[in-house]
Amino acid sequence: MATSILKRNNVNILGKGEQTLIFAHGFGSEQSAWRHQVAAFAPNYHIVLFDHVGAGKSDFNAYSPHRYSSLYSYAEDLLDLCAELKLTNCILLGHSVSGMISLLAALVEPDLFSKLIFIGASPRYLNDREYIGGFARTDLDALYAAMSANYYSWASGFAPLIMGNRDRPELAEEFARTLTAIRPDIAQAVARVIFESDYRQELPRLQVPTLILQPSNDPAVPQEVGRYMADKITQNQFMLVKSEGHLPHLSAPDIVTKAIASWLGA
């Protein structure tokens, strides 16, 4: 079973130290996106990296649209991984959708995690009356249609929009590569699961201390979303990081790493 879980999620373990940091990537990304933070924290922490099923070098045969029809299944995978590695008292860093996956895992087993760190996370992407999620229904319908019409063309256009930093095209090129490495059918199904989700009601239930790192200029997650989560999560610290794009750990790695380090040190 251990081999199947480690292979399923392409688990990699490195670093030194007793405290464990688990890095969980966002949609269209993979564990390599954390390389800057891994380099910074590996000398003093036990690092666990993995790819969600359907992404990176995970076992694509483990994916089924029925099983992964909600984020709860990804949270279950995460808890299985922690149990297999006998992890305790972990610090979990979740980018984008992995923020809510981390939330769900911590609600099931709160004692497993000592701290959570959300980077560009969102409980709901769709606008809802006074709630600003960043996307209108017409935006999402157009996104799904474009993904369905020509996934690879969509990915090549979506990557620079989400990454920003047009003066550094290599960042968008990297994101486009990890996006197009996903099977189009998986990517389309996962996108719907993410963008149609709503976990706002779960936020007040979270009791694990949480750092909310909000990029100052994020095309996918407006600042209002980060502040909304800070208002709903009891034990939190909201930190606005000066960065452009939805993947600040890649585009502004030093700023993100310093923010994480300062909070962990505190």
C-alpha atoms as a PDB file:
ATOM      1  CA  MET A   1       0.000   0.000   0.000  1.00  0.00           C
ATOM      2  CA  ALA A   2       2.848   2.351   0.850  1.00  0.00           C
ATOM      3  CA  THR A   3       4.374   1.907  -2.573  1.00  0.00           C
ATOM      4  CA  SER A   4       1.052   2.514  -4.309  1.00  0.00           C
ATOM      5  CA  ILE A   5       0.372   5.754  -2.409  1.00  0.00           C
ATOM      6  CA  LEU A   6       3.897   7.067  -2.887  1.00  0.00           C
ATOM      7  CA  LYS A   7       3.790   6.195  -6.580  1.00  0.00           C
ATOM      8  CA  ARG A   8       0.232   7.447  -7.037  1.00  0.00           C
ATOM      9  CA  ASN A   9       1.180  10.910  -5.809  1.00  0.00           C
ATOM     10  CA  ASN A  10       4.841  10.861  -6.902  1.00  0.00           C
ATOM     11  CA  VAL A  11       5.942  11.564  -3.330  1.00  0.00           C
ATOM     12  CA  ASN A  12       9.452  12.913  -2.766  1.00  0.00           C
ATOM     13  CA  ILE A  13      11.062  13.396   0.635  1.00  0.00           C
ATOM     14  CA  LEU A  14      14.146  15.453   1.385  1.00  0.00           C
ATOM     15  CA  GLY A  15      15.625  17.932   3.820  1.00  0.00           C
ATOM     16  CA  LYS A  16      16.850  17.799   7.383  1.00  0.00           C
ATOM     17  CA  GLY A  17      15.049  18.588  10.617  1.00  0.00           C
ATOM     18  CA  GLU A  18      12.321  17.213  12.830  1.00  0.00           C
ATOM     19  CA  GLN A  19       9.541  19.599  11.756  1.00  0.00           C
ATOM     20  CA  THR A  20       7.762  18.538   8.555  1.00  0.00           C
ATOM     21  CA  LEU A  21       6.722  20.942   5.811  1.00  0.00           C
ATOM     22  CA  ILE A  22       4.271  19.548   3.237  1.00  0.00           C
ATOM     23  CA  PHE A  23       4.022  21.472  -0.031  1.00  0.00           C
ATOM     24  CA  ALA A  24       0.780  21.114  -2.023  1.00  0.00           C
ATOM     25  CA  HIS A  25       0.606  22.656  -5.513  1.00  0.00           C
ATOM     26  CA  GLY A  26      -2.277  24.353  -7.298  1.00  0.00           C
ATOM     27  CA  PHE A  27      -4.226  23.591 -10.473  1.00  0.00           C
ATOM     28  CA  GLY A  28      -2.099  23.271 -13.591  1.00  0.00           C
ATOM     29  CA  SER A  29       1.061  23.145 -11.532  1.00  0.00           C
ATOM     30  CA  GLU A  30       3.204  20.431  -9.941  1.00  0.00           C
ATOM     31  CA  GLN A  31       5.647  19.979  -7.079  1.00  0.00           C
ATOM     32  CA  SER A  32       8.587  21.523  -8.982  1.00  0.00           C
ATOM     33  CA  ALA A  33       6.903  24.924  -8.569  1.00  0.00           C
ATOM     34  CA  TRP A  34       8.068  24.887  -4.932  1.00  0.00           C
ATOM     35  CA  ARG A  35      11.772  24.554  -5.762  1.00  0.00           C
ATOM     36  CA  HIS A  36      12.719  28.011  -4.454  1.00  0.00           C
ATOM     37  CA  GLN A  37      11.042  27.423  -1.091  1.00  0.00           C
ATOM     38  CA  VAL A  38      12.405  23.881  -0.867  1.00  0.00           C
ATOM     39  CA  ALA A  39      15.951  25.174  -1.357  1.00  0.00           C
ATOM     40  CA  ALA A  40      15.417  27.685   1.439  1.00  0.00           C
ATOM     41  CA  PHE A  41      13.783  25.364   3.988  1.00  0.00           C
ATOM     42  CA  ALA A  42      15.410  21.977   3.304  1.00  0.00           C
ATOM     43  CA  PRO A  43      18.460  22.666   5.535  1.00  0.00           C
ATOM     44  CA  ASN A  44      16.221  22.972   8.604  1.00  0.00           C
ATOM     45  CA  TYR A  45      13.002  21.112   7.780  1.00  0.00           C
ATOM     46  CA  HIS A  46      11.814  17.664   6.729  1.00  0.00           C
ATOM     47  CA  ILE A  47      10.216  18.325   3.305  1.00  0.00           C
ATOM     48  CA  VAL A  48       7.408  16.320   1.704  1.00  0.00           C
ATOM     49  CA  LEU A  49       6.525  17.020  -1.940  1.00  0.00           C
ATOM     50  CA  PHE A  50       3.801  15.351  -3.991  1.00  0.00           C
ATOM     51  CA  ASP A  51       1.662  15.740  -7.107  1.00  0.00           C
ATOM     52  CA  HIS A  52      -2.118  15.587  -6.978  1.00  0.00           C
ATOM     53  CA  VAL A  53      -3.579  12.725  -9.010  1.00  0.00           C
ATOM     54  CA  GLY A  54      -3.847  13.900 -12.606  1.00  0.00           C
ATOM     55  CA  ALA A  55      -0.963  16.360 -12.349  1.00  0.00           C
ATOM     56  CA  GLY A  56       2.811  16.254 -12.676  1.00  0.00           C
ATOM     57  CA  LYS A  57       4.234  12.748 -12.515  1.00  0.00           C
ATOM     58  CA  SER A  58       1.354  11.270 -10.536  1.00  0.00           C
ATOM     59  CA  ASP A  59      -0.260   8.021 -11.649  1.00  0.00           C
ATOM     60  CA  PHE A  60      -2.839   9.193 -14.176  1.00  0.00           C
ATOM     61  CA  ASN A  61      -4.426   5.731 -14.083  1.00  0.00           C
ATOM     62  CA  ALA A  62      -5.512   6.480 -10.510  1.00  0.00           C
ATOM     63  CA  TYR A  63      -7.732   9.307 -11.748  1.00  0.00           C
ATOM     64  CA  SER A  64     -11.461   8.868 -12.243  1.00  0.00           C
ATOM     65  CA  PRO A  65     -13.992  11.695 -12.664  1.00  0.00           C
ATOM     66  CA  HIS A  66     -16.313   9.951 -10.210  1.00  0.00           C
ATOM     67  CA  ARG A  67     -13.768   9.703  -7.402  1.00  0.00           C
ATOM     68  CA  TYR A  68     -12.396  13.198  -7.936  1.00  0.00           C
ATOM     69  CA  SER A  69     -15.746  14.930  -8.278  1.00  0.00           C
ATOM     70  CA  SER A  70     -15.025  17.110  -5.224  1.00  0.00           C
ATOM     71  CA  LEU A  71     -12.023  18.393  -3.301  1.00  0.00           C
ATOM     72  CA  TYR A  72     -12.791  15.979  -0.450  1.00  0.00           C
ATOM     73  CA  SER A  73     -11.134  13.166  -2.418  1.00  0.00           C
ATOM     74  CA  TYR A  74      -7.927  15.171  -2.785  1.00  0.00           C
ATOM     75  CA  ALA A  75      -8.024  15.845   0.968  1.00  0.00           C
ATOM     76  CA  GLU A  76      -8.459  12.102   1.516  1.00  0.00           C
ATOM     77  CA  ASP A  77      -5.373  11.436  -0.635  1.00  0.00           C
ATOM     78  CA  LEU A  78      -3.419  13.915   1.475  1.00  0.00           C
ATOM     79  CA  LEU A  79      -4.487  12.251   4.721  1.00  0.00           C
ATOM     80  CA  ASP A  80      -3.616   8.813   3.294  1.00  0.00           C
ATOM     81  CA  LEU A  81      -0.170  10.108   2.409  1.00  0.00           C
ATOM     82  CA  CYS A  82       0.362  11.516   5.915  1.00  0.00           C
ATOM     83  CA  ALA A  83      -0.763   8.249   7.518  1.00  0.00           C
ATOM     84  CA  GLU A  84       1.534   6.201   5.278  1.00  0.00           C
ATOM     85  CA  LEU A  85       4.532   8.357   6.138  1.00  0.00           C
ATOM     86  CA  LYS A  86       3.490   8.474   9.811  1.00  0.00           C
ATOM     87  CA  LEU A  87       3.592  12.259   9.816  1.00  0.00           C
ATOM     88  CA  THR A  88       2.497  14.329  12.816  1.00  0.00           C
ATOM     89  CA  ASN A  89       2.562  17.996  13.803  1.00  0.00           C
ATOM     90  CA  CYS A  90       2.967  19.057  10.149  1.00  0.00           C
ATOM     91  CA  ILE A  91       3.023  22.493   8.588  1.00  0.00           C
ATOM     92  CA  LEU A  92       1.041  22.378   5.353  1.00  0.00           C
ATOM     93  CA  LEU A  93       1.541  24.911   2.566  1.00  0.00           C
ATOM     94  CA  GLY A  94      -1.268  24.924   0.018  1.00  0.00           C
ATOM     95  CA  HIS A  95      -1.239  27.021  -3.131  1.00  0.00           C
ATOM     96  CA  SER A  96      -4.525  27.969  -4.812  1.00  0.00           C
ATOM     97  CA  VAL A  97      -6.940  25.004  -4.738  1.00  0.00           C
ATOM     98  CA  SER A  98      -4.648  23.202  -2.297  1.00  0.00           C
ATOM     99  CA  GLY A  99      -5.553  25.833   0.262  1.00  0.00           C
ATOM    100  CA  MET A 100      -9.089  24.419   0.426  1.00  0.00           C
ATOM    101  CA  ILE A 101      -7.786  20.848   0.169  1.00  0.00           C
ATOM    102  CA  SER A 102      -5.634  21.638   3.214  1.00  0.00           C
ATOM    103  CA  LEU A 103      -8.644  23.147   4.980  1.00  0.00           C
ATOM    104  CA  LEU A 104     -10.740  20.019   4.416  1.00  0.00           C
ATOM    105  CA  ALA A 105      -7.930  17.733   5.571  1.00  0.00           C
ATOM    106  CA  ALA A 106      -7.436  19.812   8.721  1.00  0.00           C
ATOM    107  CA  LEU A 107     -11.148  19.670   9.513  1.00  0.00           C
ATOM    108  CA  VAL A 108     -11.009  15.866   9.430  1.00  0.00           C
ATOM    109  CA  GLU A 109      -7.748  15.520  11.384  1.00  0.00           C
ATOM    110  CA  PRO A 110      -6.941  18.863  13.051  1.00  0.00           C
ATOM    111  CA  ASP A 111      -4.286  17.380  15.328  1.00  0.00           C
ATOM    112  CA  LEU A 112      -2.227  16.283  12.333  1.00  0.00           C
ATOM    113  CA  PHE A 113      -1.350  19.867  11.414  1.00  0.00           C
ATOM    114  CA  SER A 114       0.257  22.489  13.626  1.00  0.00           C
ATOM    115  CA  LYS A 115      -0.065  25.281  11.046  1.00  0.00           C
ATOM    116  CA  LEU A 116      -1.557  25.912   7.614  1.00  0.00           C
ATOM    117  CA  ILE A 117      -0.310  28.370   5.011  1.00  0.00           C
ATOM    118  CA  PHE A 118      -2.634  29.460   2.196  1.00  0.00           C
ATOM    119  CA  ILE A 119      -1.065  31.102  -0.866  1.00  0.00           C
ATOM    120  CA  GLY A 120      -3.538  32.588  -3.337  1.00  0.00           C
ATOM    121  CA  ALA A 121      -6.299  30.374  -1.936  1.00  0.00           C
ATOM    122  CA  SER A 122     -10.033  30.858  -2.411  1.00  0.00           C
ATOM    123  CA  PRO A 123     -13.132  29.242  -0.888  1.00  0.00           C
ATOM    124  CA  ARG A 124     -15.238  30.300  -3.892  1.00  0.00           C
ATOM    125  CA  TYR A 125     -14.211  31.725  -7.259  1.00  0.00           C
ATOM    126  CA  LEU A 126     -17.685  32.678  -8.473  1.00  0.00           C
ATOM    127  CA  ASN A 127     -19.147  36.041  -7.495  1.00  0.00           C
ATOM    128  CA  ASP A 128     -22.222  35.724  -5.254  1.00  0.00           C
ATOM    129  CA  ARG A 129     -24.255  38.840  -4.435  1.00  0.00           C
ATOM    130  CA  GLU A 130     -21.999  40.884  -2.125  1.00  0.00           C
ATOM    131  CA  TYR A 131     -19.255  38.259  -2.207  1.00  0.00           C
ATOM    132  CA  ILE A 132     -16.472  39.039  -4.711  1.00  0.00           C
ATOM    133  CA  GLY A 133     -14.851  35.828  -5.914  1.00  0.00           C
ATOM    134  CA  GLY A 134     -13.312  37.244  -9.074  1.00  0.00           C
ATOM    135  CA  PHE A 135     -15.356  35.418 -11.743  1.00  0.00           C
ATOM    136  CA  ALA A 136     -18.834  35.985 -13.187  1.00  0.00           C
ATOM    137  CA  ARG A 137     -20.839  33.048 -14.525  1.00  0.00           C
ATOM    138  CA  THR A 138     -20.179  34.236 -18.085  1.00  0.00           C
ATOM    139  CA  ASP A 139     -16.413  34.187 -17.360  1.00  0.00           C
ATOM    140  CA  LEU A 140     -16.494  30.562 -16.285  1.00  0.00           C
ATOM    141  CA  ASP A 141     -18.741  29.463 -19.136  1.00  0.00           C
ATOM    142  CA  ALA A 142     -16.327  31.059 -21.601  1.00  0.00           C
ATOM    143  CA  LEU A 143     -13.375  29.371 -19.866  1.00  0.00           C
ATOM    144  CA  TYR A 144     -15.005  25.925 -20.080  1.00  0.00           C
ATOM    145  CA  ALA A 145     -15.919  26.460 -23.722  1.00  0.00           C
ATOM    146  CA  ALA A 146     -12.373  27.490 -24.630  1.00  0.00           C
ATOM    147  CA  MET A 147     -10.876  24.501 -22.794  1.00  0.00           C
ATOM    148  CA  SER A 148     -13.259  22.171 -24.616  1.00  0.00           C
ATOM    149  CA  ALA A 149     -12.714  23.692 -28.071  1.00  0.00           C
ATOM    150  CA  ASN A 150      -8.904  23.452 -28.054  1.00  0.00           C
ATOM    151  CA  TYR A 151      -7.274  22.697 -24.735  1.00  0.00           C
ATOM    152  CA  TYR A 152      -3.692  23.343 -25.830  1.00  0.00           C
ATOM    153  CA  SER A 153      -4.560  26.654 -27.428  1.00  0.00           C
ATOM    154  CA  TRP A 154      -6.466  27.643 -24.284  1.00  0.00           C
ATOM    155  CA  ALA A 155      -3.517  26.706 -22.058  1.00  0.00           C
ATOM    156  CA  SER A 156      -1.057  28.779 -24.092  1.00  0.00           C
ATOM    157  CA  GLY A 157      -3.290  31.831 -23.670  1.00  0.00           C
ATOM    158  CA  PHE A 158      -4.343  31.156 -20.067  1.00  0.00           C
ATOM    159  CA  ALA A 159      -0.805  30.724 -18.722  1.00  0.00           C
ATOM    160  CA  PRO A 160       0.423  34.300 -19.356  1.00  0.00           C
ATOM    161  CA  LEU A 161      -2.849  35.746 -18.064  1.00  0.00           C
ATOM    162  CA  ILE A 162      -2.580  33.883 -14.769  1.00  0.00           C
ATOM    163  CA  MET A 163       1.177  34.221 -14.362  1.00  0.00           C
ATOM    164  CA  GLY A 164       1.425  37.910 -15.238  1.00  0.00           C
ATOM    165  CA  ASN A 165       4.975  39.317 -15.305  1.00  0.00           C
ATOM    166  CA  ARG A 166       4.969  39.740 -19.078  1.00  0.00           C
ATOM    167  CA  ASP A 167       8.539  41.007 -18.926  1.00  0.00           C
ATOM    168  CA  ARG A 168       9.528  37.494 -17.790  1.00  0.00           C
ATOM    169  CA  PRO A 169       7.890  35.223 -20.396  1.00  0.00           C
ATOM    170  CA  GLU A 170       9.792  32.169 -19.134  1.00  0.00           C
ATOM    171  CA  LEU A 171       7.439  32.067 -16.127  1.00  0.00           C
ATOM    172  CA  ALA A 172       4.332  31.743 -18.312  1.00  0.00           C
ATOM    173  CA  GLU A 173       6.139  29.228 -20.511  1.00  0.00           C
ATOM    174  CA  GLU A 174       6.842  27.042 -17.497  1.00  0.00           C
ATOM    175  CA  PHE A 175       3.212  27.205 -16.348  1.00  0.00           C
ATOM    176  CA  ALA A 176       2.017  26.425 -19.877  1.00  0.00           C
ATOM    177  CA  ARG A 177       4.247  23.319 -19.886  1.00  0.00           C
ATOM    178  CA  THR A 178       2.798  21.962 -16.648  1.00  0.00           C
ATOM    179  CA  LEU A 179      -0.729  22.802 -17.788  1.00  0.00           C
ATOM    180  CA  THR A 180      -0.346  20.979 -21.094  1.00  0.00           C
ATOM    181  CA  ALA A 181       1.215  17.974 -19.348  1.00  0.00           C
ATOM    182  CA  ILE A 182      -2.238  17.290 -17.878  1.00  0.00           C
ATOM    183  CA  ARG A 183      -4.605  15.167 -19.959  1.00  0.00           C
ATOM    184  CA  PRO A 184      -7.215  17.543 -21.436  1.00  0.00           C
ATOM    185  CA  ASP A 185     -10.154  15.501 -20.116  1.00  0.00           C
ATOM    186  CA  ILE A 186      -8.711  15.560 -16.594  1.00  0.00           C
ATOM    187  CA  ALA A 187      -7.924  19.273 -16.753  1.00  0.00           C
ATOM    188  CA  GLN A 188     -11.439  20.146 -17.888  1.00  0.00           C
ATOM    189  CA  ALA A 189     -13.087  18.026 -15.192  1.00  0.00           C
ATOM    190  CA  VAL A 190     -10.814  19.347 -12.442  1.00  0.00           C
ATOM    191  CA  ALA A 191     -11.344  22.958 -13.546  1.00  0.00           C
ATOM    192  CA  ARG A 192     -15.107  22.529 -13.149  1.00  0.00           C
ATOM    193  CA  VAL A 193     -14.691  20.955  -9.707  1.00  0.00           C
ATOM    194  CA  ILE A 194     -12.507  23.864  -8.591  1.00  0.00           C
ATOM    195  CA  PHE A 195     -14.408  26.775 -10.092  1.00  0.00           C
ATOM    196  CA  GLU A 196     -17.840  25.477  -9.078  1.00  0.00           C
ATOM    197  CA  SER A 197     -16.801  24.754  -5.478  1.00  0.00           C
ATOM    198  CA  ASP A 198     -17.928  26.714  -2.435  1.00  0.00           C
ATOM    199  CA  TYR A 199     -16.302  26.079   0.935  1.00  0.00           C
ATOM    200  CA  ARG A 200     -17.126  29.387   2.570  1.00  0.00           C
ATOM    201  CA  GLN A 201     -19.253  27.691   5.232  1.00  0.00           C
ATOM    202  CA  GLU A 202     -16.269  25.582   6.341  1.00  0.00           C
ATOM    203  CA  LEU A 203     -13.935  28.491   7.125  1.00  0.00           C
ATOM    204  CA  PRO A 204     -15.238  29.242  10.653  1.00  0.00           C
ATOM    205  CA  ARG A 205     -14.790  25.575  11.607  1.00  0.00           C
ATOM    206  CA  LEU A 206     -11.024  25.700  11.082  1.00  0.00           C
ATOM    207  CA  GLN A 207      -9.114  25.741  14.385  1.00  0.00           C
ATOM    208  CA  VAL A 208      -5.555  25.313  13.072  1.00  0.00           C
ATOM    209  CA  PRO A 209      -3.480  28.548  13.051  1.00  0.00           C
ATOM    210  CA  THR A 210      -3.416  29.770   9.453  1.00  0.00           C
ATOM    211  CA  LEU A 211      -1.303  32.220   7.495  1.00  0.00           C
ATOM    212  CA  ILE A 212      -3.183  33.755   4.563  1.00  0.00           C
ATOM    213  CA  LEU A 213      -0.640  34.960   1.994  1.00  0.00           C
ATOM    214  CA  GLN A 214      -2.493  37.120  -0.510  1.00  0.00           C
ATOM    215  CA  PRO A 215      -0.695  38.296  -3.678  1.00  0.00           C
ATOM    216  CA  SER A 216      -1.266  42.023  -4.150  1.00  0.00           C
ATOM    217  CA  ASN A 217      -2.099  41.626  -7.851  1.00  0.00           C
ATOM    218  CA  ASP A 218      -3.656  38.201  -8.450  1.00  0.00           C
ATOM    219  CA  PRO A 219      -5.810  37.809 -11.603  1.00  0.00           C
ATOM    220  CA  ALA A 220      -7.539  34.697 -10.188  1.00  0.00           C
ATOM    221  CA  VAL A 221      -8.036  35.629  -6.536  1.00  0.00           C
ATOM    222  CA  PRO A 222      -8.807  39.285  -5.696  1.00  0.00           C
ATOM    223  CA  GLN A 223      -7.624  40.788  -2.424  1.00  0.00           C
ATOM    224  CA  GLU A 224     -11.235  40.752  -1.216  1.00  0.00           C
ATOM    225  CA  VAL A 225     -11.109  36.941  -1.119  1.00  0.00           C
ATOM    226  CA  GLY A 226      -8.084  36.859   1.160  1.00  0.00           C
ATOM    227  CA  ARG A 227      -9.645  39.416   3.475  1.00  0.00           C
ATOM    228  CA  TYR A 228     -12.911  37.466   3.477  1.00  0.00           C
ATOM    229  CA  MET A 229     -11.072  34.352   4.671  1.00  0.00           C
ATOM    230  CA  ALA A 230      -9.256  36.372   7.328  1.00  0.00           C
ATOM    231  CA  ASP A 231     -12.639  37.563   8.581  1.00  0.00           C
ATOM    232  CA  LYS A 232     -13.998  34.000   8.819  1.00  0.00           C
ATOM    233  CA  ILE A 233     -11.020  31.984  10.097  1.00  0.00           C
ATOM    234  CA  THR A 234     -10.586  32.394  13.854  1.00  0.00           C
ATOM    235  CA  GLN A 235      -6.828  31.878  14.202  1.00  0.00           C
ATOM    236  CA  ASN A 236      -5.232  33.606  11.256  1.00  0.00           C
ATOM    237  CA  GLN A 237      -2.692  36.138  10.115  1.00  0.00           C
ATOM    238  CA  PHE A 238      -3.422  37.945   6.859  1.00  0.00           C
ATOM    239  CA  MET A 239      -0.340  39.022   4.935  1.00  0.00           C
ATOM    240  CA  LEU A 240      -0.466  40.949   1.663  1.00  0.00           C
ATOM    241  CA  VAL A 241       2.642  40.149  -0.376  1.00  0.00           C
ATOM    242  CA  LYS A 242       3.760  42.538  -3.097  1.00  0.00           C
ATOM    243  CA  SER A 243       3.677  40.342  -6.184  1.00  0.00           C
ATOM    244  CA  GLU A 244       2.058  40.008  -9.576  1.00  0.00           C
ATOM    245  CA  GLY A 245       0.271  36.894 -10.790  1.00  0.00           C
ATOM    246  CA  HIS A 246      -1.350  33.849  -9.216  1.00  0.00           C
ATOM    247  CA  LEU A 247       1.891  31.930  -8.567  1.00  0.00           C
ATOM    248  CA  PRO A 248       3.950  34.271  -6.360  1.00  0.00           C
ATOM    249  CA  HIS A 249       6.107  31.416  -5.064  1.00  0.00           C
ATOM    250  CA  LEU A 250       7.496  31.274  -8.623  1.00  0.00           C
ATOM    251  CA  SER A 251       7.318  34.929  -9.655  1.00  0.00           C
ATOM    252  CA  ALA A 252       8.373  36.495  -6.329  1.00  0.00           C
ATOM    253  CA  PRO A 253      10.041  33.593  -4.507  1.00  0.00           C
ATOM    254  CA  ASP A 254      12.205  35.643  -2.148  1.00  0.00           C
ATOM    255  CA  ILE A 255       9.265  37.693  -0.909  1.00  0.00           C
ATOM    256  CA  VAL A 256       7.105  34.607  -0.357  1.00  0.00           C
ATOM    257  CA  THR A 257       9.898  32.648   1.319  1.00  0.00           C
ATOM    258  CA  LYS A 258      10.678  35.514   3.703  1.00  0.00           C
ATOM    259  CA  ALA A 259       6.999  35.894   4.593  1.00  0.00           C
ATOM    260  CA  ILE A 260       6.701  32.186   5.371  1.00  0.00           C
ATOM    261  CA  ALA A 261       9.942  32.150   7.338  1.00  0.00           C
ATOM    262  CA  SER A 262       8.958  35.161   9.438  1.00  0.00           C
ATOM    263  CA  TRP A 263       5.625  33.584  10.362  1.00  0.00           C
ATOM    264  CA  LEU A 264       7.167  30.207  11.175  1.00  0.00           C
ATOM    265  CA  GLY A 265       9.805  31.952  13.275  1.00  0.00           C
ATOM    266  CA  ALA A 266       7.165  33.899  15.177  1.00  0.00           C
END
